[in-house]
Amino acid sequence: MTTSQEARHYRAIFLSDIHLGTRGCQADLLLDFMRLHDAETIYLVGDIIDGWRLKRAWYWSQAHNDVVQKLLRKGRKGARIIYLPGNHDEFLRDYVGTHFGGVEVVDTAIHETADGRRLLIIHGDQFDVVVRHAKWLAFLGDWAYVSALNLNTVLNTIRRKLGFPYWSLSAWAKLKVKNAVNFIGAFEQALSGEARRLGADGVVCGHIHHAAIRDIDGIQYLNTGDWVESCTALVEHHDGRLEIIRWTRITETVPLLAAPASAQAAA
């Protein structure tokens, strides 16, 4: 286990579901993370800005502005920034193929790891039946989700005063509800199937706020998680290893590693 206080440089960093523009966004934690982590390429895998919430009620703190400025600054210093819009920032899909301040906007991408694996990069809402075919239900679910996050904020204020670390009520509830577990499984299968169809070795996605690295029928499924509930990022080391970093106020990194193909073959 490594401590997050050590500045690290990676081949690639994958971030998604930051939800700037909402009170649930953990912008301060993300700023801490970005201060200590750099990469050659940074993928923003959708739902970076929450256009749904901003349309209903404007909220944009200084920390949210600082996140944007920090990302743009990394681009100016040489990092390649690739933005793949999700459902909450779908307004940016009208700008696919363009550049904003050095940020490339694309619908999907293929990332090749240092050890030669091809990974499909996609937000994932394209494979969410509710988002695609019952948007009113998606909006209702978003309202319920935000309500849970507000309750979560109150609970964590109390937990911090008692000396306990951050804990996500909504993430815990999601994994306790059978339908949610079934949805996550179906989502993972759908995304893995799309990677296989395109001839990729794996898929990197976001959308469901559930960080994971697992093998699904020979396809590597990688979910970046989020910066609302779990505060997670996916990184690629310079040797091709892939790792989920879980970032909390106690600055502890819990590694979840996927070995390079060469190492897997030797095992």
C-alpha atoms as a PDB file:
ATOM      1  CA  MET A   1       0.000   0.000   0.000  1.00  0.00           C
ATOM      2  CA  THR A   2       1.334   3.424  -0.961  1.00  0.00           C
ATOM      3  CA  THR A   3       0.512   6.766   0.575  1.00  0.00           C
ATOM      4  CA  SER A   4      -1.165   9.410  -1.544  1.00  0.00           C
ATOM      5  CA  GLN A   5       1.184  12.112  -0.235  1.00  0.00           C
ATOM      6  CA  GLU A   6       3.813  10.973  -2.752  1.00  0.00           C
ATOM      7  CA  ALA A   7       3.623  12.909  -6.037  1.00  0.00           C
ATOM      8  CA  ARG A   8       3.107  10.420  -8.857  1.00  0.00           C
ATOM      9  CA  HIS A   9       3.339  10.580 -12.645  1.00  0.00           C
ATOM     10  CA  TYR A  10       1.378   8.139 -14.802  1.00  0.00           C
ATOM     11  CA  ARG A  11       1.067   7.282 -18.444  1.00  0.00           C
ATOM     12  CA  ALA A  12      -2.682   8.002 -18.279  1.00  0.00           C
ATOM     13  CA  ILE A  13      -5.320   9.085 -15.777  1.00  0.00           C
ATOM     14  CA  PHE A  14      -9.011   8.360 -16.306  1.00  0.00           C
ATOM     15  CA  LEU A  15     -11.606  10.476 -14.422  1.00  0.00           C
ATOM     16  CA  SER A  16     -15.379  10.430 -14.737  1.00  0.00           C
ATOM     17  CA  ASP A  17     -18.587  11.465 -13.002  1.00  0.00           C
ATOM     18  CA  ILE A  18     -17.160  14.507 -11.244  1.00  0.00           C
ATOM     19  CA  HIS A  19     -20.538  16.316 -11.490  1.00  0.00           C
ATOM     20  CA  LEU A  20     -19.261  19.867 -11.269  1.00  0.00           C
ATOM     21  CA  GLY A  21     -22.253  22.114 -10.630  1.00  0.00           C
ATOM     22  CA  THR A  22     -23.720  19.988  -7.840  1.00  0.00           C
ATOM     23  CA  ARG A  23     -23.322  20.289  -4.103  1.00  0.00           C
ATOM     24  CA  GLY A  24     -22.414  16.608  -3.898  1.00  0.00           C
ATOM     25  CA  CYS A  25     -19.274  17.065  -6.019  1.00  0.00           C
ATOM     26  CA  GLN A  26     -16.130  16.387  -3.974  1.00  0.00           C
ATOM     27  CA  ALA A  27     -14.182  19.156  -5.712  1.00  0.00           C
ATOM     28  CA  ASP A  28     -11.762  19.768  -2.831  1.00  0.00           C
ATOM     29  CA  LEU A  29     -10.762  16.103  -2.754  1.00  0.00           C
ATOM     30  CA  LEU A  30     -10.301  16.086  -6.523  1.00  0.00           C
ATOM     31  CA  LEU A  31      -8.061  19.167  -6.287  1.00  0.00           C
ATOM     32  CA  ASP A  32      -5.945  17.346  -3.694  1.00  0.00           C
ATOM     33  CA  PHE A  33      -5.702  14.360  -6.034  1.00  0.00           C
ATOM     34  CA  MET A  34      -4.747  16.432  -9.079  1.00  0.00           C
ATOM     35  CA  ARG A  35      -2.133  18.340  -7.105  1.00  0.00           C
ATOM     36  CA  LEU A  36      -0.229  15.098  -6.537  1.00  0.00           C
ATOM     37  CA  HIS A  37      -0.983  13.182  -9.726  1.00  0.00           C
ATOM     38  CA  ASP A  38       0.073  14.004 -13.304  1.00  0.00           C
ATOM     39  CA  ALA A  39      -0.063  12.043 -16.545  1.00  0.00           C
ATOM     40  CA  GLU A  40       0.867  12.186 -20.200  1.00  0.00           C
ATOM     41  CA  THR A  41      -2.825  11.800 -21.101  1.00  0.00           C
ATOM     42  CA  ILE A  42      -5.908  12.620 -19.022  1.00  0.00           C
ATOM     43  CA  TYR A  43      -9.227  11.146 -20.120  1.00  0.00           C
ATOM     44  CA  LEU A  44     -12.383  12.858 -18.834  1.00  0.00           C
ATOM     45  CA  VAL A  45     -14.860  10.006 -19.248  1.00  0.00           C
ATOM     46  CA  GLY A  46     -18.166  11.872 -19.049  1.00  0.00           C
ATOM     47  CA  ASP A  47     -20.434  13.614 -16.533  1.00  0.00           C
ATOM     48  CA  ILE A  48     -17.655  16.041 -15.681  1.00  0.00           C
ATOM     49  CA  ILE A  49     -20.139  18.940 -15.637  1.00  0.00           C
ATOM     50  CA  ASP A  50     -23.700  18.234 -14.493  1.00  0.00           C
ATOM     51  CA  GLY A  51     -25.829  20.111 -17.014  1.00  0.00           C
ATOM     52  CA  TRP A  52     -29.014  18.495 -15.679  1.00  0.00           C
ATOM     53  CA  ARG A  53     -28.610  20.096 -12.252  1.00  0.00           C
ATOM     54  CA  LEU A  54     -27.326  23.427 -13.554  1.00  0.00           C
ATOM     55  CA  LYS A  55     -30.450  23.817 -15.695  1.00  0.00           C
ATOM     56  CA  ARG A  56     -32.642  23.507 -12.597  1.00  0.00           C
ATOM     57  CA  ALA A  57     -30.579  25.425 -10.053  1.00  0.00           C
ATOM     58  CA  TRP A  58     -27.264  27.182 -10.571  1.00  0.00           C
ATOM     59  CA  TYR A  59     -24.499  26.105  -8.225  1.00  0.00           C
ATOM     60  CA  TRP A  60     -20.834  26.703  -8.970  1.00  0.00           C
ATOM     61  CA  SER A  61     -18.402  27.175  -6.100  1.00  0.00           C
ATOM     62  CA  GLN A  62     -14.851  28.481  -6.319  1.00  0.00           C
ATOM     63  CA  ALA A  63     -13.589  24.912  -5.869  1.00  0.00           C
ATOM     64  CA  HIS A  64     -15.484  23.860  -8.999  1.00  0.00           C
ATOM     65  CA  ASN A  65     -13.864  26.680 -10.933  1.00  0.00           C
ATOM     66  CA  ASP A  66     -10.477  25.641  -9.519  1.00  0.00           C
ATOM     67  CA  VAL A  67     -10.966  22.091 -10.848  1.00  0.00           C
ATOM     68  CA  VAL A  68     -11.521  23.413 -14.370  1.00  0.00           C
ATOM     69  CA  GLN A  69      -8.514  25.728 -14.120  1.00  0.00           C
ATOM     70  CA  LYS A  70      -6.340  22.908 -12.758  1.00  0.00           C
ATOM     71  CA  LEU A  71      -7.241  20.644 -15.683  1.00  0.00           C
ATOM     72  CA  LEU A  72      -6.574  23.408 -18.226  1.00  0.00           C
ATOM     73  CA  ARG A  73      -3.260  24.158 -16.528  1.00  0.00           C
ATOM     74  CA  LYS A  74      -2.216  20.517 -16.869  1.00  0.00           C
ATOM     75  CA  GLY A  75      -3.025  20.787 -20.568  1.00  0.00           C
ATOM     76  CA  ARG A  76      -0.893  23.890 -20.947  1.00  0.00           C
ATOM     77  CA  LYS A  77       1.982  22.060 -19.258  1.00  0.00           C
ATOM     78  CA  GLY A  78       1.886  19.316 -21.886  1.00  0.00           C
ATOM     79  CA  ALA A  79      -0.742  16.763 -20.842  1.00  0.00           C
ATOM     80  CA  ARG A  80      -3.148  15.651 -23.544  1.00  0.00           C
ATOM     81  CA  ILE A  81      -6.724  16.196 -22.306  1.00  0.00           C
ATOM     82  CA  ILE A  82      -9.477  14.127 -23.954  1.00  0.00           C
ATOM     83  CA  TYR A  83     -13.118  14.780 -22.990  1.00  0.00           C
ATOM     84  CA  LEU A  84     -15.806  12.167 -23.727  1.00  0.00           C
ATOM     85  CA  PRO A  85     -19.238  13.638 -22.798  1.00  0.00           C
ATOM     86  CA  GLY A  86     -21.773  11.608 -20.812  1.00  0.00           C
ATOM     87  CA  ASN A  87     -25.513  11.984 -20.307  1.00  0.00           C
ATOM     88  CA  HIS A  88     -25.249  14.774 -17.717  1.00  0.00           C
ATOM     89  CA  ASP A  89     -22.967  16.830 -19.993  1.00  0.00           C
ATOM     90  CA  GLU A  90     -24.570  15.652 -23.245  1.00  0.00           C
ATOM     91  CA  PHE A  91     -24.725  19.267 -24.496  1.00  0.00           C
ATOM     92  CA  LEU A  92     -21.026  18.858 -25.324  1.00  0.00           C
ATOM     93  CA  ARG A  93     -21.808  16.070 -27.787  1.00  0.00           C
ATOM     94  CA  ASP A  94     -22.745  18.828 -30.230  1.00  0.00           C
ATOM     95  CA  TYR A  95     -19.046  19.768 -30.181  1.00  0.00           C
ATOM     96  CA  VAL A  96     -17.520  16.329 -30.801  1.00  0.00           C
ATOM     97  CA  GLY A  97     -14.464  16.719 -33.022  1.00  0.00           C
ATOM     98  CA  THR A  98     -13.565  20.177 -31.743  1.00  0.00           C
ATOM     99  CA  HIS A  99     -11.010  21.562 -29.277  1.00  0.00           C
ATOM    100  CA  PHE A 100     -11.643  23.907 -26.335  1.00  0.00           C
ATOM    101  CA  GLY A 101      -8.557  25.442 -24.754  1.00  0.00           C
ATOM    102  CA  GLY A 102      -6.521  22.401 -25.739  1.00  0.00           C
ATOM    103  CA  VAL A 103      -9.207  19.915 -24.636  1.00  0.00           C
ATOM    104  CA  GLU A 104     -10.233  17.427 -27.334  1.00  0.00           C
ATOM    105  CA  VAL A 105     -13.943  16.507 -27.371  1.00  0.00           C
ATOM    106  CA  VAL A 106     -14.661  13.023 -28.745  1.00  0.00           C
ATOM    107  CA  ASP A 107     -17.544  10.549 -28.482  1.00  0.00           C
ATOM    108  CA  THR A 108     -15.395   7.442 -27.959  1.00  0.00           C
ATOM    109  CA  ALA A 109     -11.681   6.695 -28.088  1.00  0.00           C
ATOM    110  CA  ILE A 110      -9.253   3.792 -28.240  1.00  0.00           C
ATOM    111  CA  HIS A 111      -6.383   3.909 -25.774  1.00  0.00           C
ATOM    112  CA  GLU A 112      -3.368   1.643 -26.272  1.00  0.00           C
ATOM    113  CA  THR A 113      -1.587   0.708 -23.059  1.00  0.00           C
ATOM    114  CA  ALA A 114       2.183   0.542 -22.709  1.00  0.00           C
ATOM    115  CA  ASP A 115       2.032  -3.257 -23.113  1.00  0.00           C
ATOM    116  CA  GLY A 116      -0.093  -3.112 -26.252  1.00  0.00           C
ATOM    117  CA  ARG A 117      -3.651  -3.659 -25.029  1.00  0.00           C
ATOM    118  CA  ARG A 118      -6.390  -1.714 -26.834  1.00  0.00           C
ATOM    119  CA  LEU A 119      -9.028  -0.214 -24.537  1.00  0.00           C
ATOM    120  CA  LEU A 120     -12.333   1.264 -25.665  1.00  0.00           C
ATOM    121  CA  ILE A 121     -13.014   4.523 -23.776  1.00  0.00           C
ATOM    122  CA  ILE A 122     -16.710   5.426 -23.469  1.00  0.00           C
ATOM    123  CA  HIS A 123     -18.905   6.995 -20.778  1.00  0.00           C
ATOM    124  CA  GLY A 124     -21.434   4.150 -20.886  1.00  0.00           C
ATOM    125  CA  ASP A 125     -24.840   5.867 -20.801  1.00  0.00           C
ATOM    126  CA  GLN A 126     -25.325   4.668 -24.379  1.00  0.00           C
ATOM    127  CA  PHE A 127     -25.935   1.216 -22.867  1.00  0.00           C
ATOM    128  CA  ASP A 128     -28.299   2.365 -20.100  1.00  0.00           C
ATOM    129  CA  VAL A 129     -31.853   1.476 -21.208  1.00  0.00           C
ATOM    130  CA  VAL A 130     -33.444   3.972 -18.779  1.00  0.00           C
ATOM    131  CA  VAL A 131     -31.339   6.896 -20.009  1.00  0.00           C
ATOM    132  CA  ARG A 132     -31.940   6.016 -23.665  1.00  0.00           C
ATOM    133  CA  HIS A 133     -35.635   5.134 -23.612  1.00  0.00           C
ATOM    134  CA  ALA A 134     -37.214   6.597 -20.439  1.00  0.00           C
ATOM    135  CA  LYS A 135     -35.463   9.875 -19.781  1.00  0.00           C
ATOM    136  CA  TRP A 136     -38.226  11.084 -17.447  1.00  0.00           C
ATOM    137  CA  LEU A 137     -37.437   8.108 -15.212  1.00  0.00           C
ATOM    138  CA  ALA A 138     -33.738   8.970 -15.375  1.00  0.00           C
ATOM    139  CA  PHE A 139     -34.558  12.520 -14.204  1.00  0.00           C
ATOM    140  CA  LEU A 140     -36.682  11.112 -11.360  1.00  0.00           C
ATOM    141  CA  GLY A 141     -33.858   8.811 -10.366  1.00  0.00           C
ATOM    142  CA  ASP A 142     -31.467  11.755 -10.455  1.00  0.00           C
ATOM    143  CA  TRP A 143     -33.715  13.673  -8.022  1.00  0.00           C
ATOM    144  CA  ALA A 144     -33.800  10.710  -5.624  1.00  0.00           C
ATOM    145  CA  TYR A 145     -30.038  10.316  -5.950  1.00  0.00           C
ATOM    146  CA  VAL A 146     -29.386  13.976  -5.122  1.00  0.00           C
ATOM    147  CA  SER A 147     -31.676  13.673  -2.080  1.00  0.00           C
ATOM    148  CA  ALA A 148     -29.612  10.720  -0.878  1.00  0.00           C
ATOM    149  CA  LEU A 149     -26.424  12.721  -1.412  1.00  0.00           C
ATOM    150  CA  ASN A 150     -27.794  15.603   0.664  1.00  0.00           C
ATOM    151  CA  LEU A 151     -28.497  13.171   3.495  1.00  0.00           C
ATOM    152  CA  ASN A 152     -25.036  11.724   2.953  1.00  0.00           C
ATOM    153  CA  THR A 153     -23.500  15.191   3.426  1.00  0.00           C
ATOM    154  CA  VAL A 154     -25.223  15.589   6.797  1.00  0.00           C
ATOM    155  CA  LEU A 155     -24.115  12.122   7.925  1.00  0.00           C
ATOM    156  CA  ASN A 156     -20.507  12.740   6.935  1.00  0.00           C
ATOM    157  CA  THR A 157     -20.417  16.086   8.713  1.00  0.00           C
ATOM    158  CA  ILE A 158     -21.327  14.218  11.892  1.00  0.00           C
ATOM    159  CA  ARG A 159     -18.828  11.427  11.106  1.00  0.00           C
ATOM    160  CA  ARG A 160     -15.977  13.919  10.653  1.00  0.00           C
ATOM    161  CA  LYS A 161     -16.760  15.562  13.999  1.00  0.00           C
ATOM    162  CA  LEU A 162     -16.586  12.119  15.587  1.00  0.00           C
ATOM    163  CA  GLY A 163     -13.267  11.376  13.902  1.00  0.00           C
ATOM    164  CA  PHE A 164     -14.568   8.848  11.364  1.00  0.00           C
ATOM    165  CA  PRO A 165     -13.529   8.812   7.662  1.00  0.00           C
ATOM    166  CA  TYR A 166     -15.794   9.574   4.697  1.00  0.00           C
ATOM    167  CA  TRP A 167     -18.483   6.970   3.994  1.00  0.00           C
ATOM    168  CA  SER A 168     -20.998   6.852   1.134  1.00  0.00           C
ATOM    169  CA  LEU A 169     -24.588   6.073   2.081  1.00  0.00           C
ATOM    170  CA  SER A 170     -25.741   5.954  -1.542  1.00  0.00           C
ATOM    171  CA  ALA A 171     -22.938   3.603  -2.606  1.00  0.00           C
ATOM    172  CA  TRP A 172     -23.728   1.278   0.304  1.00  0.00           C
ATOM    173  CA  ALA A 173     -27.458   1.297  -0.478  1.00  0.00           C
ATOM    174  CA  LYS A 174     -26.828   0.703  -4.183  1.00  0.00           C
ATOM    175  CA  LEU A 175     -24.959  -2.518  -3.500  1.00  0.00           C
ATOM    176  CA  LYS A 176     -27.594  -3.706  -1.010  1.00  0.00           C
ATOM    177  CA  VAL A 177     -30.519  -3.394  -3.426  1.00  0.00           C
ATOM    178  CA  LYS A 178     -30.932  -6.467  -5.611  1.00  0.00           C
ATOM    179  CA  ASN A 179     -32.185  -4.563  -8.666  1.00  0.00           C
ATOM    180  CA  ALA A 180     -29.218  -2.195  -8.516  1.00  0.00           C
ATOM    181  CA  VAL A 181     -26.806  -5.125  -8.323  1.00  0.00           C
ATOM    182  CA  ASN A 182     -28.511  -6.753 -11.298  1.00  0.00           C
ATOM    183  CA  PHE A 183     -28.329  -3.471 -13.243  1.00  0.00           C
ATOM    184  CA  ILE A 184     -24.604  -3.144 -12.573  1.00  0.00           C
ATOM    185  CA  GLY A 185     -24.021  -6.704 -13.781  1.00  0.00           C
ATOM    186  CA  ALA A 186     -26.023  -6.132 -16.978  1.00  0.00           C
ATOM    187  CA  PHE A 187     -24.207  -2.852 -17.595  1.00  0.00           C
ATOM    188  CA  GLU A 188     -20.806  -4.494 -17.228  1.00  0.00           C
ATOM    189  CA  GLN A 189     -21.788  -7.291 -19.623  1.00  0.00           C
ATOM    190  CA  ALA A 190     -23.091  -4.791 -22.212  1.00  0.00           C
ATOM    191  CA  LEU A 191     -19.948  -2.653 -22.154  1.00  0.00           C
ATOM    192  CA  SER A 192     -17.682  -5.713 -22.331  1.00  0.00           C
ATOM    193  CA  GLY A 193     -19.700  -6.978 -25.272  1.00  0.00           C
ATOM    194  CA  GLU A 194     -19.257  -3.674 -27.095  1.00  0.00           C
ATOM    195  CA  ALA A 195     -15.485  -3.805 -26.560  1.00  0.00           C
ATOM    196  CA  ARG A 196     -15.431  -7.339 -27.958  1.00  0.00           C
ATOM    197  CA  ARG A 197     -17.507  -6.275 -30.973  1.00  0.00           C
ATOM    198  CA  LEU A 198     -15.000  -3.518 -31.768  1.00  0.00           C
ATOM    199  CA  GLY A 199     -12.014  -5.840 -31.381  1.00  0.00           C
ATOM    200  CA  ALA A 200     -10.725  -4.145 -28.222  1.00  0.00           C
ATOM    201  CA  ASP A 201      -9.082  -5.961 -25.322  1.00  0.00           C
ATOM    202  CA  GLY A 202     -11.007  -4.014 -22.703  1.00  0.00           C
ATOM    203  CA  VAL A 203     -13.271  -1.100 -21.934  1.00  0.00           C
ATOM    204  CA  VAL A 204     -12.927   1.941 -19.663  1.00  0.00           C
ATOM    205  CA  CYS A 205     -16.203   3.578 -18.663  1.00  0.00           C
ATOM    206  CA  GLY A 206     -17.987   5.482 -15.912  1.00  0.00           C
ATOM    207  CA  HIS A 207     -21.688   6.306 -15.520  1.00  0.00           C
ATOM    208  CA  ILE A 208     -22.750   3.915 -12.740  1.00  0.00           C
ATOM    209  CA  HIS A 209     -20.476   5.321  -9.980  1.00  0.00           C
ATOM    210  CA  HIS A 210     -19.035   1.896  -9.184  1.00  0.00           C
ATOM    211  CA  ALA A 211     -15.256   1.576  -9.618  1.00  0.00           C
ATOM    212  CA  ALA A 212     -14.063  -1.851 -10.726  1.00  0.00           C
ATOM    213  CA  ILE A 213     -11.388  -3.796 -12.553  1.00  0.00           C
ATOM    214  CA  ARG A 214     -12.431  -7.278 -13.572  1.00  0.00           C
ATOM    215  CA  ASP A 215     -12.228  -9.808 -16.371  1.00  0.00           C
ATOM    216  CA  ILE A 216     -15.505 -10.563 -18.128  1.00  0.00           C
ATOM    217  CA  ASP A 217     -15.242 -13.455 -20.580  1.00  0.00           C
ATOM    218  CA  GLY A 218     -11.746 -12.441 -21.643  1.00  0.00           C
ATOM    219  CA  ILE A 219     -12.476  -8.715 -21.846  1.00  0.00           C
ATOM    220  CA  GLN A 220     -11.028  -6.403 -19.214  1.00  0.00           C
ATOM    221  CA  TYR A 221     -13.776  -4.226 -17.730  1.00  0.00           C
ATOM    222  CA  LEU A 222     -12.580  -1.052 -15.997  1.00  0.00           C
ATOM    223  CA  ASN A 223     -14.888   1.487 -14.395  1.00  0.00           C
ATOM    224  CA  THR A 224     -13.388   4.751 -13.153  1.00  0.00           C
ATOM    225  CA  GLY A 225     -15.996   5.253 -10.411  1.00  0.00           C
ATOM    226  CA  ASP A 226     -16.847   8.858  -9.499  1.00  0.00           C
ATOM    227  CA  TRP A 227     -16.043  11.991  -7.479  1.00  0.00           C
ATOM    228  CA  VAL A 228     -19.372  12.225  -5.674  1.00  0.00           C
ATOM    229  CA  GLU A 229     -19.602   8.990  -3.694  1.00  0.00           C
ATOM    230  CA  SER A 230     -16.358   7.026  -3.821  1.00  0.00           C
ATOM    231  CA  CYS A 231     -13.737   9.548  -5.041  1.00  0.00           C
ATOM    232  CA  THR A 232     -11.904   7.173  -7.355  1.00  0.00           C
ATOM    233  CA  ALA A 233      -9.717   7.382 -10.443  1.00  0.00           C
ATOM    234  CA  LEU A 234      -8.244   4.826 -12.822  1.00  0.00           C
ATOM    235  CA  VAL A 235      -4.545   5.226 -13.672  1.00  0.00           C
ATOM    236  CA  GLU A 236      -2.166   3.489 -16.044  1.00  0.00           C
ATOM    237  CA  HIS A 237       1.405   3.095 -14.836  1.00  0.00           C
ATOM    238  CA  HIS A 238       4.263   3.444 -17.311  1.00  0.00           C
ATOM    239  CA  ASP A 239       4.592  -0.351 -17.546  1.00  0.00           C
ATOM    240  CA  GLY A 240       0.924  -0.776 -18.497  1.00  0.00           C
ATOM    241  CA  ARG A 241      -0.431  -1.741 -15.075  1.00  0.00           C
ATOM    242  CA  LEU A 242      -3.897  -0.382 -14.375  1.00  0.00           C
ATOM    243  CA  GLU A 243      -4.942   0.669 -10.883  1.00  0.00           C
ATOM    244  CA  ILE A 244      -7.976   2.123  -9.145  1.00  0.00           C
ATOM    245  CA  ILE A 245      -7.008   4.848  -6.672  1.00  0.00           C
ATOM    246  CA  ARG A 246      -9.516   5.509  -3.883  1.00  0.00           C
ATOM    247  CA  TRP A 247      -8.932   9.021  -2.573  1.00  0.00           C
ATOM    248  CA  THR A 248     -10.214  10.094   0.841  1.00  0.00           C
ATOM    249  CA  ARG A 249      -9.478  12.771   3.394  1.00  0.00           C
ATOM    250  CA  ILE A 250      -7.270  10.339   5.283  1.00  0.00           C
ATOM    251  CA  THR A 251      -5.055  10.309   2.139  1.00  0.00           C
ATOM    252  CA  GLU A 252      -4.974   6.563   1.813  1.00  0.00           C
ATOM    253  CA  THR A 253      -4.594   4.723  -1.488  1.00  0.00           C
ATOM    254  CA  VAL A 254      -6.180   1.296  -1.731  1.00  0.00           C
ATOM    255  CA  PRO A 255      -4.654  -0.315  -4.848  1.00  0.00           C
ATOM    256  CA  LEU A 256      -6.656  -2.538  -7.152  1.00  0.00           C
ATOM    257  CA  LEU A 257      -4.204  -3.671  -9.792  1.00  0.00           C
ATOM    258  CA  ALA A 258      -4.477  -5.258 -13.208  1.00  0.00           C
ATOM    259  CA  ALA A 259      -1.154  -6.683 -14.322  1.00  0.00           C
ATOM    260  CA  PRO A 260       0.220  -6.115 -17.827  1.00  0.00           C
ATOM    261  CA  ALA A 261      -0.506  -8.834 -20.335  1.00  0.00           C
ATOM    262  CA  SER A 262       3.119 -10.011 -20.185  1.00  0.00           C
ATOM    263  CA  ALA A 263       2.923 -10.471 -16.424  1.00  0.00           C
ATOM    264  CA  GLN A 264      -0.414 -12.280 -16.690  1.00  0.00           C
ATOM    265  CA  ALA A 265       1.049 -14.658 -19.251  1.00  0.00           C
ATOM    266  CA  ALA A 266       3.997 -15.417 -16.987  1.00  0.00           C
ATOM    267  CA  ALA A 267       1.783 -16.098 -13.956  1.00  0.00           C
END
